[in-house]
Amino acid sequence: MLAEMAMFIQLLGMATLAAILPTIAVMCAIYLIYTHRSQLLDILQGILRIICWLIICLVDGKAKADGIKVKKVVNGK
């Protein structure tokens, strides 16, 4: 009987942790995304430029892909 109670308490603790830990992880991820959003946007723009360059290179060739200039947007203008 005592072992069964101990197992029940252990399962209850594991279920509580299974519910709380993902919530804490999501909250930490949201906080990190919010605090470092400018760096994340720069990384995403770089990845998109690489993908676009690769597609243009495969379709039209390397010279055409290298010839395309990136327009910088300053202050949303």
PDB file of N, CA and C in Angstrom:
ATOM      1  N   MET A   1       0.821  -1.203   0.000  1.00  0.00           N
ATOM      2  CA  MET A   1       0.000   0.000   0.000  1.00  0.00           C
ATOM      3  C   MET A   1       0.861   1.263   0.000  1.00  0.00           C
ATOM      4  N   LEU A   2       1.914   1.243   0.789  1.00  0.00           N
ATOM      5  CA  LEU A   2       2.809   2.399   0.866  1.00  0.00           C
ATOM      6  C   LEU A   2       3.535   2.610  -0.462  1.00  0.00           C
ATOM      7  N   ALA A   3       3.937   1.521  -1.100  1.00  0.00           N
ATOM      8  CA  ALA A   3       4.624   1.618  -2.393  1.00  0.00           C
ATOM      9  C   ALA A   3       3.674   2.167  -3.461  1.00  0.00           C
ATOM     10  N   GLU A   4       2.407   1.744  -3.384  1.00  0.00           N
ATOM     11  CA  GLU A   4       1.439   2.257  -4.356  1.00  0.00           C
ATOM     12  C   GLU A   4       1.201   3.751  -4.172  1.00  0.00           C
ATOM     13  N   MET A   5       1.161   4.199  -2.926  1.00  0.00           N
ATOM     14  CA  MET A   5       1.003   5.638  -2.658  1.00  0.00           C
ATOM     15  C   MET A   5       2.215   6.417  -3.155  1.00  0.00           C
ATOM     16  N   ALA A   6       3.397   5.855  -2.945  1.00  0.00           N
ATOM     17  CA  ALA A   6       4.616   6.512  -3.407  1.00  0.00           C
ATOM     18  C   ALA A   6       4.629   6.612  -4.934  1.00  0.00           C
ATOM     19  N   MET A   7       4.203   5.555  -5.592  1.00  0.00           N
ATOM     20  CA  MET A   7       4.141   5.582  -7.055  1.00  0.00           C
ATOM     21  C   MET A   7       3.119   6.605  -7.541  1.00  0.00           C
ATOM     22  N   PHE A   8       1.995   6.701  -6.859  1.00  0.00           N
ATOM     23  CA  PHE A   8       0.979   7.681  -7.232  1.00  0.00           C
ATOM     24  C   PHE A   8       1.516   9.109  -7.085  1.00  0.00           C
ATOM     25  N   ILE A   9       2.212   9.372  -5.992  1.00  0.00           N
ATOM     26  CA  ILE A   9       2.785  10.705  -5.780  1.00  0.00           C
ATOM     27  C   ILE A   9       3.838  11.004  -6.840  1.00  0.00           C
ATOM     28  N   GLN A  10       4.632  10.002  -7.187  1.00  0.00           N
ATOM     29  CA  GLN A  10       5.644  10.186  -8.211  1.00  0.00           C
ATOM     30  C   GLN A  10       4.996  10.479  -9.567  1.00  0.00           C
ATOM     31  N   LEU A  11       3.949   9.739  -9.923  1.00  0.00           N
ATOM     32  CA  LEU A  11       3.252   9.985 -11.184  1.00  0.00           C
ATOM     33  C   LEU A  11       2.593  11.358 -11.207  1.00  0.00           C
ATOM     34  N   LEU A  12       2.048  11.762 -10.082  1.00  0.00           N
ATOM     35  CA  LEU A  12       1.435  13.088  -9.988  1.00  0.00           C
ATOM     36  C   LEU A  12       2.474  14.180 -10.193  1.00  0.00           C
ATOM     37  N   GLY A  13       3.646  14.002  -9.600  1.00  0.00           N
ATOM     38  CA  GLY A  13       4.736  14.971  -9.782  1.00  0.00           C
ATOM     39  C   GLY A  13       5.206  15.019 -11.220  1.00  0.00           C
ATOM     40  N   MET A  14       5.316  13.860 -11.866  1.00  0.00           N
ATOM     41  CA  MET A  14       5.754  13.831 -13.269  1.00  0.00           C
ATOM     42  C   MET A  14       4.722  14.484 -14.175  1.00  0.00           C
ATOM     43  N   ALA A  15       3.440  14.277 -13.895  1.00  0.00           N
ATOM     44  CA  ALA A  15       2.391  14.891 -14.707  1.00  0.00           C
ATOM     45  C   ALA A  15       2.411  16.408 -14.541  1.00  0.00           C
ATOM     46  N   THR A  16       2.669  16.853 -13.315  1.00  0.00           N
ATOM     47  CA  THR A  16       2.757  18.297 -13.077  1.00  0.00           C
ATOM     48  C   THR A  16       3.933  18.889 -13.839  1.00  0.00           C
ATOM     49  N   LEU A  17       5.084  18.226 -13.781  1.00  0.00           N
ATOM     50  CA  LEU A  17       6.253  18.701 -14.516  1.00  0.00           C
ATOM     51  C   LEU A  17       6.009  18.674 -16.023  1.00  0.00           C
ATOM     52  N   ALA A  18       5.316  17.648 -16.493  1.00  0.00           N
ATOM     53  CA  ALA A  18       5.028  17.550 -17.927  1.00  0.00           C
ATOM     54  C   ALA A  18       4.129  18.682 -18.387  1.00  0.00           C
ATOM     55  N   ALA A  19       3.329  19.222 -17.495  1.00  0.00           N
ATOM     56  CA  ALA A  19       2.443  20.331 -17.861  1.00  0.00           C
ATOM     57  C   ALA A  19       3.148  21.679 -17.713  1.00  0.00           C
ATOM     58  N   ILE A  20       4.035  21.802 -16.737  1.00  0.00           N
ATOM     59  CA  ILE A  20       4.641  23.100 -16.434  1.00  0.00           C
ATOM     60  C   ILE A  20       5.889  23.373 -17.276  1.00  0.00           C
ATOM     61  N   LEU A  21       6.741  22.375 -17.483  1.00  0.00           N
ATOM     62  CA  LEU A  21       8.004  22.608 -18.184  1.00  0.00           C
ATOM     63  C   LEU A  21       7.823  23.110 -19.618  1.00  0.00           C
ATOM     64  N   PRO A  22       6.914  22.557 -20.430  1.00  0.00           N
ATOM     65  CA  PRO A  22       6.729  23.119 -21.771  1.00  0.00           C
ATOM     66  C   PRO A  22       6.244  24.565 -21.742  1.00  0.00           C
ATOM     67  N   THR A  23       5.423  24.908 -20.760  1.00  0.00           N
ATOM     68  CA  THR A  23       4.950  26.281 -20.631  1.00  0.00           C
ATOM     69  C   THR A  23       6.105  27.220 -20.339  1.00  0.00           C
ATOM     70  N   ILE A  24       6.992  26.817 -19.452  1.00  0.00           N
ATOM     71  CA  ILE A  24       8.170  27.631 -19.138  1.00  0.00           C
ATOM     72  C   ILE A  24       9.074  27.746 -20.361  1.00  0.00           C
ATOM     73  N   ALA A  25       9.247  26.670 -21.099  1.00  0.00           N
ATOM     74  CA  ALA A  25      10.097  26.707 -22.294  1.00  0.00           C
ATOM     75  C   ALA A  25       9.527  27.652 -23.349  1.00  0.00           C
ATOM     76  N   VAL A  26       8.221  27.630 -23.555  1.00  0.00           N
ATOM     77  CA  VAL A  26       7.587  28.522 -24.529  1.00  0.00           C
ATOM     78  C   VAL A  26       7.719  29.975 -24.082  1.00  0.00           C
ATOM     79  N   MET A  27       7.537  30.229 -22.796  1.00  0.00           N
ATOM     80  CA  MET A  27       7.677  31.598 -22.299  1.00  0.00           C
ATOM     81  C   MET A  27       9.104  32.109 -22.473  1.00  0.00           C
ATOM     82  N   CYS A  28      10.091  31.258 -22.232  1.00  0.00           N
ATOM     83  CA  CYS A  28      11.496  31.646 -22.441  1.00  0.00           C
ATOM     84  C   CYS A  28      11.776  31.914 -23.919  1.00  0.00           C
ATOM     85  N   ALA A  29      11.230  31.081 -24.801  1.00  0.00           N
ATOM     86  CA  ALA A  29      11.432  31.286 -26.234  1.00  0.00           C
ATOM     87  C   ALA A  29      10.812  32.601 -26.693  1.00  0.00           C
ATOM     88  N   ILE A  30       9.615  32.907 -26.218  1.00  0.00           N
ATOM     89  CA  ILE A  30       8.965  34.170 -26.586  1.00  0.00           C
ATOM     90  C   ILE A  30       9.783  35.350 -26.081  1.00  0.00           C
ATOM     91  N   TYR A  31      10.307  35.264 -24.877  1.00  0.00           N
ATOM     92  CA  TYR A  31      11.123  36.342 -24.322  1.00  0.00           C
ATOM     93  C   TYR A  31      12.386  36.545 -25.151  1.00  0.00           C
ATOM     94  N   LEU A  32      13.062  35.444 -25.523  1.00  0.00           N
ATOM     95  CA  LEU A  32      14.286  35.570 -26.312  1.00  0.00           C
ATOM     96  C   LEU A  32      14.007  36.136 -27.700  1.00  0.00           C
ATOM     97  N   ILE A  33      12.908  35.716 -28.309  1.00  0.00           N
ATOM     98  CA  ILE A  33      12.545  36.248 -29.626  1.00  0.00           C
ATOM     99  C   ILE A  33      12.239  37.729 -29.523  1.00  0.00           C
ATOM    100  N   TYR A  34      11.545  38.140 -28.461  1.00  0.00           N
ATOM    101  CA  TYR A  34      11.185  39.547 -28.288  1.00  0.00           C
ATOM    102  C   TYR A  34      12.418  40.414 -28.042  1.00  0.00           C
ATOM    103  N   THR A  35      13.351  39.929 -27.239  1.00  0.00           N
ATOM    104  CA  THR A  35      14.514  40.755 -26.910  1.00  0.00           C
ATOM    105  C   THR A  35      15.544  40.798 -28.033  1.00  0.00           C
ATOM    106  N   HIS A  36      15.600  39.776 -28.876  1.00  0.00           N
ATOM    107  CA  HIS A  36      16.607  39.719 -29.940  1.00  0.00           C
ATOM    108  C   HIS A  36      15.961  39.714 -31.319  1.00  0.00           C
ATOM    109  N   ARG A  37      14.831  40.409 -31.459  1.00  0.00           N
ATOM    110  CA  ARG A  37      14.100  40.327 -32.728  1.00  0.00           C
ATOM    111  C   ARG A  37      14.861  40.960 -33.890  1.00  0.00           C
ATOM    112  N   SER A  38      15.653  42.010 -33.665  1.00  0.00           N
ATOM    113  CA  SER A  38      16.367  42.632 -34.786  1.00  0.00           C
ATOM    114  C   SER A  38      17.442  41.694 -35.328  1.00  0.00           C
ATOM    115  N   GLN A  39      18.155  41.010 -34.443  1.00  0.00           N
ATOM    116  CA  GLN A  39      19.164  40.055 -34.909  1.00  0.00           C
ATOM    117  C   GLN A  39      18.499  38.880 -35.632  1.00  0.00           C
ATOM    118  N   LEU A  40      17.363  38.418 -35.113  1.00  0.00           N
ATOM    119  CA  LEU A  40      16.664  37.309 -35.764  1.00  0.00           C
ATOM    120  C   LEU A  40      16.156  37.705 -37.148  1.00  0.00           C
ATOM    121  N   LEU A  41      15.678  38.952 -37.282  1.00  0.00           N
ATOM    122  CA  LEU A  41      15.222  39.410 -38.596  1.00  0.00           C
ATOM    123  C   LEU A  41      16.377  39.491 -39.580  1.00  0.00           C
ATOM    124  N   ASP A  42      17.559  39.933 -39.122  1.00  0.00           N
ATOM    125  CA  ASP A  42      18.728  39.974 -40.000  1.00  0.00           C
ATOM    126  C   ASP A  42      19.128  38.569 -40.446  1.00  0.00           C
ATOM    127  N   ILE A  43      19.071  37.619 -39.524  1.00  0.00           N
ATOM    128  CA  ILE A  43      19.413  36.233 -39.874  1.00  0.00           C
ATOM    129  C   ILE A  43      18.415  35.675 -40.875  1.00  0.00           C
ATOM    130  N   LEU A  44      17.113  35.927 -40.657  1.00  0.00           N
ATOM    131  CA  LEU A  44      16.095  35.436 -41.594  1.00  0.00           C
ATOM    132  C   LEU A  44      16.248  36.073 -42.967  1.00  0.00           C
ATOM    133  N   GLN A  45      16.574  37.376 -43.019  1.00  0.00           N
ATOM    134  CA  GLN A  45      16.781  38.031 -44.312  1.00  0.00           C
ATOM    135  C   GLN A  45      17.975  37.426 -45.032  1.00  0.00           C
ATOM    136  N   GLY A  46      19.039  37.120 -44.289  1.00  0.00           N
ATOM    137  CA  GLY A  46      20.204  36.489 -44.899  1.00  0.00           C
ATOM    138  C   GLY A  46      19.882  35.123 -45.469  1.00  0.00           C
ATOM    139  N   ILE A  47      19.115  34.342 -44.718  1.00  0.00           N
ATOM    140  CA  ILE A  47      18.729  33.012 -45.197  1.00  0.00           C
ATOM    141  C   ILE A  47      17.867  33.127 -46.455  1.00  0.00           C
ATOM    142  N   LEU A  48      16.922  34.072 -46.461  1.00  0.00           N
ATOM    143  CA  LEU A  48      16.078  34.259 -47.648  1.00  0.00           C
ATOM    144  C   LEU A  48      16.898  34.711 -48.848  1.00  0.00           C
ATOM    145  N   ARG A  49      17.881  35.578 -48.630  1.00  0.00           N
ATOM    146  CA  ARG A  49      18.745  36.007 -49.744  1.00  0.00           C
ATOM    147  C   ARG A  49      19.536  34.839 -50.306  1.00  0.00           C
ATOM    148  N   ILE A  50      20.025  33.973 -49.427  1.00  0.00           N
ATOM    149  CA  ILE A  50      20.773  32.803 -49.896  1.00  0.00           C
ATOM    150  C   ILE A  50      19.875  31.894 -50.724  1.00  0.00           C
ATOM    151  N   ILE A  51      18.662  31.663 -50.242  1.00  0.00           N
ATOM    152  CA  ILE A  51      17.731  30.789 -50.980  1.00  0.00           C
ATOM    153  C   ILE A  51      17.383  31.400 -52.337  1.00  0.00           C
ATOM    154  N   CYS A  52      17.100  32.704 -52.360  1.00  0.00           N
ATOM    155  CA  CYS A  52      16.766  33.359 -53.627  1.00  0.00           C
ATOM    156  C   CYS A  52      17.949  33.328 -54.585  1.00  0.00           C
ATOM    157  N   TRP A  53      19.161  33.587 -54.074  1.00  0.00           N
ATOM    158  CA  TRP A  53      20.345  33.546 -54.931  1.00  0.00           C
ATOM    159  C   TRP A  53      20.525  32.149 -55.518  1.00  0.00           C
ATOM    160  N   LEU A  54      20.315  31.122 -54.690  1.00  0.00           N
ATOM    161  CA  LEU A  54      20.468  29.753 -55.167  1.00  0.00           C
ATOM    162  C   LEU A  54      19.457  29.417 -56.255  1.00  0.00           C
ATOM    163  N   ILE A  55      18.212  29.848 -56.087  1.00  0.00           N
ATOM    164  CA  ILE A  55      17.185  29.583 -57.106  1.00  0.00           C
ATOM    165  C   ILE A  55      17.531  30.300 -58.407  1.00  0.00           C
ATOM    166  N   ILE A  56      17.941  31.580 -58.313  1.00  0.00           N
ATOM    167  CA  ILE A  56      18.303  32.327 -59.524  1.00  0.00           C
ATOM    168  C   ILE A  56      19.519  31.702 -60.186  1.00  0.00           C
ATOM    169  N   CYS A  57      20.474  31.243 -59.378  1.00  0.00           N
ATOM    170  CA  CYS A  57      21.672  30.608 -59.927  1.00  0.00           C
ATOM    171  C   CYS A  57      21.314  29.319 -60.664  1.00  0.00           C
ATOM    172  N   LEU A  58      20.408  28.541 -60.119  1.00  0.00           N
ATOM    173  CA  LEU A  58      20.018  27.291 -60.775  1.00  0.00           C
ATOM    174  C   LEU A  58      19.229  27.540 -62.055  1.00  0.00           C
ATOM    175  N   VAL A  59      18.410  28.610 -62.068  1.00  0.00           N
ATOM    176  CA  VAL A  59      17.554  28.865 -63.221  1.00  0.00           C
ATOM    177  C   VAL A  59      18.292  29.632 -64.310  1.00  0.00           C
ATOM    178  N   ASP A  60      18.949  30.751 -63.927  1.00  0.00           N
ATOM    179  CA  ASP A  60      19.541  31.641 -64.922  1.00  0.00           C
ATOM    180  C   ASP A  60      21.059  31.626 -64.967  1.00  0.00           C
ATOM    181  N   GLY A  61      21.694  31.000 -64.046  1.00  0.00           N
ATOM    182  CA  GLY A  61      23.149  30.938 -64.041  1.00  0.00           C
ATOM    183  C   GLY A  61      23.753  31.855 -62.982  1.00  0.00           C
ATOM    184  N   LYS A  62      25.041  31.594 -62.695  1.00  0.00           N
ATOM    185  CA  LYS A  62      25.726  32.299 -61.618  1.00  0.00           C
ATOM    186  C   LYS A  62      25.925  33.776 -61.943  1.00  0.00           C
ATOM    187  N   ALA A  63      26.214  34.101 -63.180  1.00  0.00           N
ATOM    188  CA  ALA A  63      26.449  35.502 -63.542  1.00  0.00           C
ATOM    189  C   ALA A  63      25.198  36.352 -63.301  1.00  0.00           C
ATOM    190  N   LYS A  64      24.048  35.830 -63.647  1.00  0.00           N
ATOM    191  CA  LYS A  64      22.791  36.548 -63.424  1.00  0.00           C
ATOM    192  C   LYS A  64      22.520  36.707 -61.923  1.00  0.00           C
ATOM    193  N   ALA A  65      22.771  35.648 -61.154  1.00  0.00           N
ATOM    194  CA  ALA A  65      22.537  35.711 -59.710  1.00  0.00           C
ATOM    195  C   ALA A  65      23.487  36.699 -59.039  1.00  0.00           C
ATOM    196  N   ASP A  66      24.736  36.739 -59.484  1.00  0.00           N
ATOM    197  CA  ASP A  66      25.697  37.679 -58.905  1.00  0.00           C
ATOM    198  C   ASP A  66      25.398  39.114 -59.311  1.00  0.00           C
ATOM    199  N   GLY A  67      24.710  39.303 -60.430  1.00  0.00           N
ATOM    200  CA  GLY A  67      24.422  40.639 -60.923  1.00  0.00           C
ATOM    201  C   GLY A  67      23.269  41.336 -60.224  1.00  0.00           C
ATOM    202  N   ILE A  68      22.493  40.617 -59.466  1.00  0.00           N
ATOM    203  CA  ILE A  68      21.341  41.216 -58.791  1.00  0.00           C
ATOM    204  C   ILE A  68      21.812  41.923 -57.527  1.00  0.00           C
ATOM    205  N   LYS A  69      21.443  43.180 -57.399  1.00  0.00           N
ATOM    206  CA  LYS A  69      21.845  43.979 -56.242  1.00  0.00           C
ATOM    207  C   LYS A  69      20.725  43.961 -55.198  1.00  0.00           C
ATOM    208  N   VAL A  70      21.142  43.981 -53.941  1.00  0.00           N
ATOM    209  CA  VAL A  70      20.194  43.999 -52.814  1.00  0.00           C
ATOM    210  C   VAL A  70      19.905  45.456 -52.461  1.00  0.00           C
ATOM    211  N   LYS A  71      18.631  45.791 -52.395  1.00  0.00           N
ATOM    212  CA  LYS A  71      18.241  47.147 -52.020  1.00  0.00           C
ATOM    213  C   LYS A  71      18.066  47.195 -50.507  1.00  0.00           C
ATOM    214  N   LYS A  72      18.815  48.073 -49.866  1.00  0.00           N
ATOM    215  CA  LYS A  72      18.710  48.227 -48.416  1.00  0.00           C
ATOM    216  C   LYS A  72      17.541  49.139 -48.094  1.00  0.00           C
ATOM    217  N   VAL A  73      16.724  48.762 -47.147  1.00  0.00           N
ATOM    218  CA  VAL A  73      15.605  49.586 -46.695  1.00  0.00           C
ATOM    219  C   VAL A  73      16.062  50.272 -45.417  1.00  0.00           C
ATOM    220  N   VAL A  74      15.999  51.618 -45.420  1.00  0.00           N
ATOM    221  CA  VAL A  74      16.434  52.377 -44.264  1.00  0.00           C
ATOM    222  C   VAL A  74      15.217  53.018 -43.612  1.00  0.00           C
ATOM    223  N   ASN A  75      15.005  52.703 -42.347  1.00  0.00           N
ATOM    224  CA  ASN A  75      13.895  53.280 -41.556  1.00  0.00           C
ATOM    225  C   ASN A  75      12.539  53.046 -42.209  1.00  0.00           C
ATOM    226  N   GLY A  76      12.347  51.907 -42.822  1.00  0.00           N
ATOM    227  CA  GLY A  76      11.053  51.554 -43.389  1.00  0.00           C
ATOM    228  C   GLY A  76      10.693  52.312 -44.646  1.00  0.00           C
ATOM    229  N   LYS A  77      11.638  52.981 -45.277  1.00  0.00           N
ATOM    230  CA  LYS A  77      11.354  53.750 -46.512  1.00  0.00           C
ATOM    231  C   LYS A  77      11.947  53.081 -47.713  1.00  0.00           C
TER     232      LYS A  77
END
